[in-house]
């Protein structure tokens, strides 16, 4: 049974930092790309970042470039998202997803398994 579980969300003030974690089981974690998505109230879910199976293949949405860093520890089946200099616009439910593919992608249809989400709230 595939299971994806996020953790690390919370409430911070603007300029603060959070580190999201995501563990995945029931699948070959190291053999596929992984992604982070977010959905703010009243908005569509968007791809925030993804990392391919092979190191060096990453994607960041423009609004988080230079502030967020995605990484993975295949030995621990864990994906991370380090979020620095958080802004109120980063407030959203953050979802971790495991891709069908080895390459990083921004399309939700590329992902086969999703977590329940972890809430990030940034106050001004």
C-alpha atoms as a PDB file:
ATOM      1  CA  UNK A   1       0.000   0.000   0.000  1.00  0.00           C
ATOM      2  CA  UNK A   2       1.433   3.344  -1.054  1.00  0.00           C
ATOM      3  CA  UNK A   3       1.555   5.960   1.664  1.00  0.00           C
ATOM      4  CA  UNK A   4       2.798   9.547   1.479  1.00  0.00           C
ATOM      5  CA  UNK A   5       2.923  11.605   4.661  1.00  0.00           C
ATOM      6  CA  UNK A   6       3.934  15.250   5.042  1.00  0.00           C
ATOM      7  CA  UNK A   7       5.043  17.005   8.206  1.00  0.00           C
ATOM      8  CA  UNK A   8       6.687  20.225   9.306  1.00  0.00           C
ATOM      9  CA  UNK A   9       4.043  22.784   8.532  1.00  0.00           C
ATOM     10  CA  UNK A  10       3.088  25.492  10.987  1.00  0.00           C
ATOM     11  CA  UNK A  11       2.587  29.188  11.572  1.00  0.00           C
ATOM     12  CA  UNK A  12       5.441  31.645  11.225  1.00  0.00           C
ATOM     13  CA  UNK A  13       5.934  35.338  10.760  1.00  0.00           C
ATOM     14  CA  UNK A  14       7.094  36.783   7.474  1.00  0.00           C
ATOM     15  CA  UNK A  15      10.817  36.280   7.060  1.00  0.00           C
ATOM     16  CA  UNK A  16      10.792  33.065   9.034  1.00  0.00           C
ATOM     17  CA  UNK A  17      11.679  29.548   7.944  1.00  0.00           C
ATOM     18  CA  UNK A  18      10.110  26.114   7.921  1.00  0.00           C
ATOM     19  CA  UNK A  19      11.301  22.731   6.749  1.00  0.00           C
ATOM     20  CA  UNK A  20       8.744  20.374   5.337  1.00  0.00           C
ATOM     21  CA  UNK A  21       9.375  16.654   5.262  1.00  0.00           C
ATOM     22  CA  UNK A  22       7.662  13.907   3.329  1.00  0.00           C
ATOM     23  CA  UNK A  23       8.072  10.191   3.786  1.00  0.00           C
ATOM     24  CA  UNK A  24       6.837   7.735   1.193  1.00  0.00           C
ATOM     25  CA  UNK A  25       6.396   4.002   1.550  1.00  0.00           C
ATOM     26  CA  UNK A  26       5.048   1.207  -0.601  1.00  0.00           C
ATOM     27  CA  UNK A  27       6.885   2.420  -3.674  1.00  0.00           C
ATOM     28  CA  UNK A  28      10.416   2.670  -5.010  1.00  0.00           C
ATOM     29  CA  UNK A  29      11.204   6.101  -3.622  1.00  0.00           C
ATOM     30  CA  UNK A  30      14.683   6.400  -5.076  1.00  0.00           C
ATOM     31  CA  UNK A  31      13.539   5.448  -8.538  1.00  0.00           C
ATOM     32  CA  UNK A  32      11.174   8.311  -9.230  1.00  0.00           C
ATOM     33  CA  UNK A  33      10.823  12.068  -9.192  1.00  0.00           C
ATOM     34  CA  UNK A  34       9.132  13.722  -6.215  1.00  0.00           C
ATOM     35  CA  UNK A  35       7.311  17.010  -6.016  1.00  0.00           C
ATOM     36  CA  UNK A  36       5.829  19.619  -3.720  1.00  0.00           C
ATOM     37  CA  UNK A  37       2.571  21.345  -4.614  1.00  0.00           C
ATOM     38  CA  UNK A  38       0.539  23.937  -2.748  1.00  0.00           C
ATOM     39  CA  UNK A  39      -3.000  25.224  -2.738  1.00  0.00           C
ATOM     40  CA  UNK A  40      -4.055  28.489  -1.209  1.00  0.00           C
ATOM     41  CA  UNK A  41      -7.712  29.225  -0.373  1.00  0.00           C
ATOM     42  CA  UNK A  42      -9.634  30.111  -3.513  1.00  0.00           C
ATOM     43  CA  UNK A  43      -6.734  29.231  -5.794  1.00  0.00           C
ATOM     44  CA  UNK A  44      -5.795  26.266  -7.912  1.00  0.00           C
ATOM     45  CA  UNK A  45      -3.107  23.893  -6.768  1.00  0.00           C
ATOM     46  CA  UNK A  46       0.286  24.765  -8.213  1.00  0.00           C
ATOM     47  CA  UNK A  47       3.601  22.995  -8.501  1.00  0.00           C
ATOM     48  CA  UNK A  48       6.113  24.575  -6.131  1.00  0.00           C
ATOM     49  CA  UNK A  49       9.139  22.407  -6.675  1.00  0.00           C
ATOM     50  CA  UNK A  50      10.185  18.988  -7.867  1.00  0.00           C
ATOM     51  CA  UNK A  51      13.308  16.903  -7.950  1.00  0.00           C
ATOM     52  CA  UNK A  52      14.119  14.184 -10.410  1.00  0.00           C
ATOM     53  CA  UNK A  53      15.443  10.770  -9.660  1.00  0.00           C
ATOM     54  CA  UNK A  54      18.921  11.948 -10.546  1.00  0.00           C
ATOM     55  CA  UNK A  55      20.519  14.791  -8.646  1.00  0.00           C
ATOM     56  CA  UNK A  56      20.722  18.088 -10.475  1.00  0.00           C
ATOM     57  CA  UNK A  57      17.278  17.919 -12.041  1.00  0.00           C
ATOM     58  CA  UNK A  58      15.118  20.334 -10.117  1.00  0.00           C
ATOM     59  CA  UNK A  59      12.322  22.807 -10.729  1.00  0.00           C
ATOM     60  CA  UNK A  60      11.111  25.803  -8.723  1.00  0.00           C
ATOM     61  CA  UNK A  61       8.188  28.063  -9.462  1.00  0.00           C
ATOM     62  CA  UNK A  62       9.452  31.598  -9.993  1.00  0.00           C
ATOM     63  CA  UNK A  63       7.888  32.941  -6.809  1.00  0.00           C
ATOM     64  CA  UNK A  64      10.030  30.705  -4.571  1.00  0.00           C
ATOM     65  CA  UNK A  65      13.337  30.715  -6.429  1.00  0.00           C
ATOM     66  CA  UNK A  66      16.172  31.693  -4.140  1.00  0.00           C
ATOM     67  CA  UNK A  67      14.077  31.066  -1.028  1.00  0.00           C
ATOM     68  CA  UNK A  68      13.066  27.381  -1.178  1.00  0.00           C
ATOM     69  CA  UNK A  69      15.339  24.372  -1.566  1.00  0.00           C
ATOM     70  CA  UNK A  70      14.176  20.863  -2.373  1.00  0.00           C
ATOM     71  CA  UNK A  71      16.235  17.827  -1.441  1.00  0.00           C
ATOM     72  CA  UNK A  72      15.852  14.125  -0.943  1.00  0.00           C
ATOM     73  CA  UNK A  73      17.387  11.355   1.137  1.00  0.00           C
ATOM     74  CA  UNK A  74      16.766   8.121  -0.721  1.00  0.00           C
ATOM     75  CA  UNK A  75      18.153   6.039   2.134  1.00  0.00           C
ATOM     76  CA  UNK A  76      15.379   7.413   4.358  1.00  0.00           C
ATOM     77  CA  UNK A  77      12.664   7.563   1.669  1.00  0.00           C
ATOM     78  CA  UNK A  78      12.273  11.203   2.603  1.00  0.00           C
ATOM     79  CA  UNK A  79      11.758  14.394   0.637  1.00  0.00           C
ATOM     80  CA  UNK A  80      12.396  17.843   2.095  1.00  0.00           C
ATOM     81  CA  UNK A  81      11.483  21.408   1.317  1.00  0.00           C
ATOM     82  CA  UNK A  82      13.490  24.056   3.127  1.00  0.00           C
ATOM     83  CA  UNK A  83      11.561  27.298   3.028  1.00  0.00           C
ATOM     84  CA  UNK A  84      13.353  30.497   3.991  1.00  0.00           C
ATOM     85  CA  UNK A  85      12.290  34.137   3.993  1.00  0.00           C
ATOM     86  CA  UNK A  86       8.660  33.092   3.989  1.00  0.00           C
ATOM     87  CA  UNK A  87       6.061  35.544   2.777  1.00  0.00           C
ATOM     88  CA  UNK A  88       2.321  35.792   3.446  1.00  0.00           C
ATOM     89  CA  UNK A  89       1.734  34.710  -0.164  1.00  0.00           C
ATOM     90  CA  UNK A  90       3.332  31.368   0.727  1.00  0.00           C
ATOM     91  CA  UNK A  91       0.370  30.579   2.966  1.00  0.00           C
ATOM     92  CA  UNK A  92      -1.196  27.380   1.644  1.00  0.00           C
ATOM     93  CA  UNK A  93      -1.684  23.690   2.151  1.00  0.00           C
ATOM     94  CA  UNK A  94       1.465  21.982   0.943  1.00  0.00           C
ATOM     95  CA  UNK A  95       1.271  18.554  -0.650  1.00  0.00           C
ATOM     96  CA  UNK A  96       3.958  16.019  -1.376  1.00  0.00           C
ATOM     97  CA  UNK A  97       3.575  13.778  -4.402  1.00  0.00           C
ATOM     98  CA  UNK A  98       5.391  10.805  -5.886  1.00  0.00           C
ATOM     99  CA  UNK A  99       5.752  10.784  -9.638  1.00  0.00           C
ATOM    100  CA  UNK A 100       5.204   7.971 -12.108  1.00  0.00           C
ATOM    101  CA  UNK A 101       8.405   9.085 -13.820  1.00  0.00           C
ATOM    102  CA  UNK A 102      12.082   9.665 -13.177  1.00  0.00           C
ATOM    103  CA  UNK A 103      12.092  13.183 -14.549  1.00  0.00           C
ATOM    104  CA  UNK A 104      10.829  16.208 -12.671  1.00  0.00           C
ATOM    105  CA  UNK A 105       7.461  17.526 -13.859  1.00  0.00           C
ATOM    106  CA  UNK A 106       4.947  20.229 -12.988  1.00  0.00           C
ATOM    107  CA  UNK A 107       1.792  18.478 -14.167  1.00  0.00           C
ATOM    108  CA  UNK A 108      -0.369  16.857 -11.513  1.00  0.00           C
ATOM    109  CA  UNK A 109      -1.190  13.963 -13.823  1.00  0.00           C
ATOM    110  CA  UNK A 110       2.454  12.902 -13.708  1.00  0.00           C
ATOM    111  CA  UNK A 111       2.108  12.007 -10.026  1.00  0.00           C
ATOM    112  CA  UNK A 112       0.717   8.727  -8.781  1.00  0.00           C
ATOM    113  CA  UNK A 113       0.496   9.215  -5.029  1.00  0.00           C
ATOM    114  CA  UNK A 114      -0.308  12.207  -2.845  1.00  0.00           C
ATOM    115  CA  UNK A 115      -0.155  13.032   0.819  1.00  0.00           C
ATOM    116  CA  UNK A 116      -2.904  14.663   2.828  1.00  0.00           C
ATOM    117  CA  UNK A 117      -1.047  17.952   3.061  1.00  0.00           C
ATOM    118  CA  UNK A 118       0.506  20.088   5.761  1.00  0.00           C
ATOM    119  CA  UNK A 119      -0.627  23.647   6.414  1.00  0.00           C
ATOM    120  CA  UNK A 120       1.799  26.557   6.201  1.00  0.00           C
ATOM    121  CA  UNK A 121       0.589  29.920   7.453  1.00  0.00           C
ATOM    122  CA  UNK A 122       2.740  33.033   7.197  1.00  0.00           C
ATOM    123  CA  UNK A 123       1.634  36.187   8.969  1.00  0.00           C
ATOM    124  CA  UNK A 124       2.786  39.691   8.124  1.00  0.00           C
END
